[in-house]
Amino acid sequence: MATIVDAMLAAAGLHPEPADRDELIVTYAMFRPAIEALYTVPQARYEVPALAFQAAPKLKKW
């Protein structure tokens, strides 16, 4: 887990204190199963995200 957290921190350009880094590693390890569970539902693969933006205008008649 430390490698993944270090890679994410490097990608974000963050350099936390060692104690903060250790806490992030522990926290990421707790969240990882929930993150993986999001991808285990086959039907969710084809769903539109909840925050989808619809560009088509909805005009109302006057």
PDB file of N, CA and C in Angstrom:
ATOM      1  N   MET A   1       0.811  -1.196   0.000  1.00  0.00           N
ATOM      2  CA  MET A   1       0.000   0.000   0.000  1.00  0.00           C
ATOM      3  C   MET A   1       0.857   1.263   0.000  1.00  0.00           C
ATOM      4  N   ALA A   2       2.016   1.167   0.625  1.00  0.00           N
ATOM      5  CA  ALA A   2       2.879   2.350   0.713  1.00  0.00           C
ATOM      6  C   ALA A   2       3.305   2.818  -0.669  1.00  0.00           C
ATOM      7  N   THR A   3       3.561   1.881  -1.571  1.00  0.00           N
ATOM      8  CA  THR A   3       3.982   2.244  -2.924  1.00  0.00           C
ATOM      9  C   THR A   3       2.879   3.002  -3.654  1.00  0.00           C
ATOM     10  N   ILE A   4       1.647   2.538  -3.493  1.00  0.00           N
ATOM     11  CA  ILE A   4       0.514   3.189  -4.155  1.00  0.00           C
ATOM     12  C   ILE A   4       0.308   4.595  -3.603  1.00  0.00           C
ATOM     13  N   VAL A   5       0.342   4.716  -2.284  1.00  0.00           N
ATOM     14  CA  VAL A   5       0.152   6.027  -1.658  1.00  0.00           C
ATOM     15  C   VAL A   5       1.281   6.970  -2.063  1.00  0.00           C
ATOM     16  N   ASP A   6       2.513   6.471  -2.078  1.00  0.00           N
ATOM     17  CA  ASP A   6       3.644   7.307  -2.494  1.00  0.00           C
ATOM     18  C   ASP A   6       3.482   7.777  -3.935  1.00  0.00           C
ATOM     19  N   ALA A   7       2.992   6.892  -4.804  1.00  0.00           N
ATOM     20  CA  ALA A   7       2.787   7.266  -6.205  1.00  0.00           C
ATOM     21  C   ALA A   7       1.700   8.332  -6.333  1.00  0.00           C
ATOM     22  N   MET A   8       0.624   8.189  -5.570  1.00  0.00           N
ATOM     23  CA  MET A   8      -0.450   9.186  -5.627  1.00  0.00           C
ATOM     24  C   MET A   8       0.018  10.531  -5.083  1.00  0.00           C
ATOM     25  N   LEU A   9       0.799  10.508  -4.020  1.00  0.00           N
ATOM     26  CA  LEU A   9       1.329  11.751  -3.464  1.00  0.00           C
ATOM     27  C   LEU A   9       2.281  12.424  -4.448  1.00  0.00           C
ATOM     28  N   ALA A  10       3.124  11.622  -5.095  1.00  0.00           N
ATOM     29  CA  ALA A  10       4.063  12.177  -6.072  1.00  0.00           C
ATOM     30  C   ALA A  10       3.315  12.775  -7.258  1.00  0.00           C
ATOM     31  N   ALA A  11       2.268  12.089  -7.718  1.00  0.00           N
ATOM     32  CA  ALA A  11       1.485  12.597  -8.849  1.00  0.00           C
ATOM     33  C   ALA A  11       0.801  13.913  -8.496  1.00  0.00           C
ATOM     34  N   ALA A  12       0.420  14.056  -7.236  1.00  0.00           N
ATOM     35  CA  ALA A  12      -0.240  15.285  -6.795  1.00  0.00           C
ATOM     36  C   ALA A  12       0.762  16.368  -6.410  1.00  0.00           C
ATOM     37  N   GLY A  13       2.039  16.004  -6.362  1.00  0.00           N
ATOM     38  CA  GLY A  13       3.062  16.977  -5.987  1.00  0.00           C
ATOM     39  C   GLY A  13       3.059  17.308  -4.508  1.00  0.00           C
ATOM     40  N   LEU A  14       2.602  16.363  -3.691  1.00  0.00           N
ATOM     41  CA  LEU A  14       2.526  16.587  -2.246  1.00  0.00           C
ATOM     42  C   LEU A  14       3.691  15.904  -1.543  1.00  0.00           C
ATOM     43  N   HIS A  15       4.170  16.529  -0.483  1.00  0.00           N
ATOM     44  CA  HIS A  15       5.285  15.994   0.295  1.00  0.00           C
ATOM     45  C   HIS A  15       4.934  16.088   1.780  1.00  0.00           C
ATOM     46  N   PRO A  16       4.086  15.155   2.281  1.00  0.00           N
ATOM     47  CA  PRO A  16       3.656  15.235   3.676  1.00  0.00           C
ATOM     48  C   PRO A  16       4.768  14.822   4.640  1.00  0.00           C
ATOM     49  N   GLU A  17       4.581  15.183   5.882  1.00  0.00           N
ATOM     50  CA  GLU A  17       5.495  14.744   6.938  1.00  0.00           C
ATOM     51  C   GLU A  17       5.396  13.225   7.057  1.00  0.00           C
ATOM     52  N   PRO A  18       6.443  12.566   7.556  1.00  0.00           N
ATOM     53  CA  PRO A  18       6.407  11.099   7.676  1.00  0.00           C
ATOM     54  C   PRO A  18       5.211  10.572   8.477  1.00  0.00           C
ATOM     55  N   ALA A  19       4.840  11.253   9.547  1.00  0.00           N
ATOM     56  CA  ALA A  19       3.691  10.798  10.345  1.00  0.00           C
ATOM     57  C   ALA A  19       2.396  10.909   9.541  1.00  0.00           C
ATOM     58  N   ASP A  20       2.258  11.970   8.765  1.00  0.00           N
ATOM     59  CA  ASP A  20       1.068  12.137   7.926  1.00  0.00           C
ATOM     60  C   ASP A  20       1.040  11.091   6.819  1.00  0.00           C
ATOM     61  N   ARG A  21       2.193  10.800   6.245  1.00  0.00           N
ATOM     62  CA  ARG A  21       2.289   9.772   5.202  1.00  0.00           C
ATOM     63  C   ARG A  21       1.853   8.420   5.754  1.00  0.00           C
ATOM     64  N   ASP A  22       2.330   8.083   6.956  1.00  0.00           N
ATOM     65  CA  ASP A  22       1.953   6.812   7.574  1.00  0.00           C
ATOM     66  C   ASP A  22       0.450   6.744   7.822  1.00  0.00           C
ATOM     67  N   GLU A  23      -0.136   7.848   8.231  1.00  0.00           N
ATOM     68  CA  GLU A  23      -1.582   7.890   8.457  1.00  0.00           C
ATOM     69  C   GLU A  23      -2.344   7.731   7.143  1.00  0.00           C
ATOM     70  N   LEU A  24      -1.840   8.326   6.081  1.00  0.00           N
ATOM     71  CA  LEU A  24      -2.475   8.172   4.769  1.00  0.00           C
ATOM     72  C   LEU A  24      -2.420   6.725   4.296  1.00  0.00           C
ATOM     73  N   ILE A  25      -1.329   6.049   4.570  1.00  0.00           N
ATOM     74  CA  ILE A  25      -1.197   4.642   4.177  1.00  0.00           C
ATOM     75  C   ILE A  25      -2.226   3.792   4.910  1.00  0.00           C
ATOM     76  N   VAL A  26      -2.383   4.025   6.206  1.00  0.00           N
ATOM     77  CA  VAL A  26      -3.369   3.275   6.994  1.00  0.00           C
ATOM     78  C   VAL A  26      -4.781   3.579   6.500  1.00  0.00           C
ATOM     79  N   THR A  27      -5.068   4.840   6.250  1.00  0.00           N
ATOM     80  CA  THR A  27      -6.397   5.241   5.786  1.00  0.00           C
ATOM     81  C   THR A  27      -6.696   4.653   4.413  1.00  0.00           C
ATOM     82  N   TYR A  28      -5.721   4.679   3.515  1.00  0.00           N
ATOM     83  CA  TYR A  28      -5.920   4.117   2.180  1.00  0.00           C
ATOM     84  C   TYR A  28      -6.192   2.620   2.267  1.00  0.00           C
ATOM     85  N   ALA A  29      -5.487   1.934   3.162  1.00  0.00           N
ATOM     86  CA  ALA A  29      -5.705   0.495   3.329  1.00  0.00           C
ATOM     87  C   ALA A  29      -7.130   0.207   3.797  1.00  0.00           C
ATOM     88  N   MET A  30      -7.697   1.096   4.607  1.00  0.00           N
ATOM     89  CA  MET A  30      -9.082   0.904   5.062  1.00  0.00           C
ATOM     90  C   MET A  30     -10.075   1.154   3.933  1.00  0.00           C
ATOM     91  N   PHE A  31      -9.799   2.123   3.066  1.00  0.00           N
ATOM     92  CA  PHE A  31     -10.721   2.472   1.982  1.00  0.00           C
ATOM     93  C   PHE A  31     -10.588   1.570   0.759  1.00  0.00           C
ATOM     94  N   ARG A  32      -9.470   0.904   0.603  1.00  0.00           N
ATOM     95  CA  ARG A  32      -9.215   0.111  -0.601  1.00  0.00           C
ATOM     96  C   ARG A  32     -10.299  -0.935  -0.883  1.00  0.00           C
ATOM     97  N   PRO A  33     -10.767  -1.714   0.110  1.00  0.00           N
ATOM     98  CA  PRO A  33     -11.839  -2.680  -0.188  1.00  0.00           C
ATOM     99  C   PRO A  33     -13.114  -2.013  -0.710  1.00  0.00           C
ATOM    100  N   ALA A  34     -13.456  -0.857  -0.186  1.00  0.00           N
ATOM    101  CA  ALA A  34     -14.651  -0.151  -0.660  1.00  0.00           C
ATOM    102  C   ALA A  34     -14.456   0.333  -2.089  1.00  0.00           C
ATOM    103  N   ILE A  35     -13.252   0.777  -2.406  1.00  0.00           N
ATOM    104  CA  ILE A  35     -12.950   1.224  -3.764  1.00  0.00           C
ATOM    105  C   ILE A  35     -13.057   0.052  -4.733  1.00  0.00           C
ATOM    106  N   GLU A  36     -12.514  -1.086  -4.348  1.00  0.00           N
ATOM    107  CA  GLU A  36     -12.592  -2.279  -5.195  1.00  0.00           C
ATOM    108  C   GLU A  36     -14.038  -2.733  -5.378  1.00  0.00           C
ATOM    109  N   ALA A  37     -14.857  -2.589  -4.341  1.00  0.00           N
ATOM    110  CA  ALA A  37     -16.258  -3.012  -4.421  1.00  0.00           C
ATOM    111  C   ALA A  37     -17.030  -2.214  -5.458  1.00  0.00           C
ATOM    112  N   LEU A  38     -16.622  -0.992  -5.714  1.00  0.00           N
ATOM    113  CA  LEU A  38     -17.301  -0.185  -6.731  1.00  0.00           C
ATOM    114  C   LEU A  38     -17.183  -0.807  -8.119  1.00  0.00           C
ATOM    115  N   TYR A  39     -16.131  -1.554  -8.348  1.00  0.00           N
ATOM    116  CA  TYR A  39     -15.892  -2.137  -9.663  1.00  0.00           C
ATOM    117  C   TYR A  39     -16.361  -3.580  -9.771  1.00  0.00           C
ATOM    118  N   THR A  40     -16.900  -4.151  -8.698  1.00  0.00           N
ATOM    119  CA  THR A  40     -17.316  -5.548  -8.740  1.00  0.00           C
ATOM    120  C   THR A  40     -18.760  -5.731  -9.189  1.00  0.00           C
ATOM    121  N   VAL A  41     -19.535  -4.669  -9.263  1.00  0.00           N
ATOM    122  CA  VAL A  41     -20.929  -4.763  -9.695  1.00  0.00           C
ATOM    123  C   VAL A  41     -20.952  -4.679 -11.222  1.00  0.00           C
ATOM    124  N   PRO A  42     -21.250  -5.786 -11.910  1.00  0.00           N
ATOM    125  CA  PRO A  42     -21.193  -5.774 -13.372  1.00  0.00           C
ATOM    126  C   PRO A  42     -22.125  -4.746 -14.012  1.00  0.00           C
ATOM    127  N   GLN A  43     -23.305  -4.536 -13.433  1.00  0.00           N
ATOM    128  CA  GLN A  43     -24.260  -3.612 -14.019  1.00  0.00           C
ATOM    129  C   GLN A  43     -23.776  -2.167 -13.941  1.00  0.00           C
ATOM    130  N   ALA A  44     -22.926  -1.851 -12.985  1.00  0.00           N
ATOM    131  CA  ALA A  44     -22.454  -0.477 -12.810  1.00  0.00           C
ATOM    132  C   ALA A  44     -21.517  -0.046 -13.934  1.00  0.00           C
ATOM    133  N   ARG A  45     -21.003  -0.995 -14.678  1.00  0.00           N
ATOM    134  CA  ARG A  45     -20.081  -0.673 -15.767  1.00  0.00           C
ATOM    135  C   ARG A  45     -20.713   0.205 -16.827  1.00  0.00           C
ATOM    136  N   TYR A  46     -21.993   0.015 -17.055  1.00  0.00           N
ATOM    137  CA  TYR A  46     -22.650   0.696 -18.165  1.00  0.00           C
ATOM    138  C   TYR A  46     -23.552   1.841 -17.715  1.00  0.00           C
ATOM    139  N   GLU A  47     -23.573   2.141 -16.449  1.00  0.00           N
ATOM    140  CA  GLU A  47     -24.422   3.212 -15.937  1.00  0.00           C
ATOM    141  C   GLU A  47     -23.777   4.570 -16.160  1.00  0.00           C
ATOM    142  N   VAL A  48     -24.616   5.581 -16.287  1.00  0.00           N
ATOM    143  CA  VAL A  48     -24.145   6.958 -16.410  1.00  0.00           C
ATOM    144  C   VAL A  48     -23.811   7.452 -15.007  1.00  0.00           C
ATOM    145  N   PRO A  49     -22.693   8.132 -14.835  1.00  0.00           N
ATOM    146  CA  PRO A  49     -22.370   8.656 -13.505  1.00  0.00           C
ATOM    147  C   PRO A  49     -23.463   9.595 -12.995  1.00  0.00           C
ATOM    148  N   ALA A  50     -23.583   9.702 -11.704  1.00  0.00           N
ATOM    149  CA  ALA A  50     -24.626  10.529 -11.103  1.00  0.00           C
ATOM    150  C   ALA A  50     -24.466  11.999 -11.463  1.00  0.00           C
ATOM    151  N   LEU A  51     -23.260  12.435 -11.713  1.00  0.00           N
ATOM    152  CA  LEU A  51     -23.015  13.842 -12.006  1.00  0.00           C
ATOM    153  C   LEU A  51     -22.832  14.076 -13.503  1.00  0.00           C
ATOM    154  N   ALA A  52     -23.714  13.496 -14.302  1.00  0.00           N
ATOM    155  CA  ALA A  52     -23.626  13.667 -15.751  1.00  0.00           C
ATOM    156  C   ALA A  52     -24.212  15.018 -16.153  1.00  0.00           C
ATOM    157  N   PHE A  53     -23.544  15.708 -17.043  1.00  0.00           N
ATOM    158  CA  PHE A  53     -24.003  17.004 -17.533  1.00  0.00           C
ATOM    159  C   PHE A  53     -24.708  16.800 -18.863  1.00  0.00           C
ATOM    160  N   GLN A  54     -25.946  17.242 -18.948  1.00  0.00           N
ATOM    161  CA  GLN A  54     -26.709  17.150 -20.185  1.00  0.00           C
ATOM    162  C   GLN A  54     -26.638  18.501 -20.885  1.00  0.00           C
ATOM    163  N   ALA A  55     -25.993  18.561 -22.036  1.00  0.00           N
ATOM    164  CA  ALA A  55     -25.787  19.829 -22.736  1.00  0.00           C
ATOM    165  C   ALA A  55     -27.015  20.291 -23.515  1.00  0.00           C
ATOM    166  N   ALA A  56     -27.978  19.424 -23.743  1.00  0.00           N
ATOM    167  CA  ALA A  56     -29.164  19.801 -24.510  1.00  0.00           C
ATOM    168  C   ALA A  56     -30.017  20.773 -23.695  1.00  0.00           C
ATOM    169  N   PRO A  57     -30.366  21.928 -24.279  1.00  0.00           N
ATOM    170  CA  PRO A  57     -31.179  22.900 -23.537  1.00  0.00           C
ATOM    171  C   PRO A  57     -32.614  22.409 -23.388  1.00  0.00           C
ATOM    172  N   LYS A  58     -33.203  22.754 -22.290  1.00  0.00           N
ATOM    173  CA  LYS A  58     -34.604  22.415 -22.049  1.00  0.00           C
ATOM    174  C   LYS A  58     -35.386  23.719 -22.090  1.00  0.00           C
ATOM    175  N   LEU A  59     -35.940  24.020 -23.246  1.00  0.00           N
ATOM    176  CA  LEU A  59     -36.678  25.269 -23.433  1.00  0.00           C
ATOM    177  C   LEU A  59     -38.149  25.054 -23.108  1.00  0.00           C
ATOM    178  N   LYS A  60     -38.717  25.993 -22.402  1.00  0.00           N
ATOM    179  CA  LYS A  60     -40.139  25.927 -22.074  1.00  0.00           C
ATOM    180  C   LYS A  60     -40.895  26.908 -22.953  1.00  0.00           C
ATOM    181  N   LYS A  61     -42.092  26.511 -23.355  1.00  0.00           N
ATOM    182  CA  LYS A  61     -42.928  27.402 -24.156  1.00  0.00           C
ATOM    183  C   LYS A  61     -43.459  28.520 -23.286  1.00  0.00           C
ATOM    184  N   TRP A  62     -43.593  29.708 -23.870  1.00  0.00           N
ATOM    185  CA  TRP A  62     -44.090  30.866 -23.130  1.00  0.00           C
ATOM    186  C   TRP A  62     -45.559  30.891 -23.120  1.00  0.00           C
TER     187      TRP A  62
END
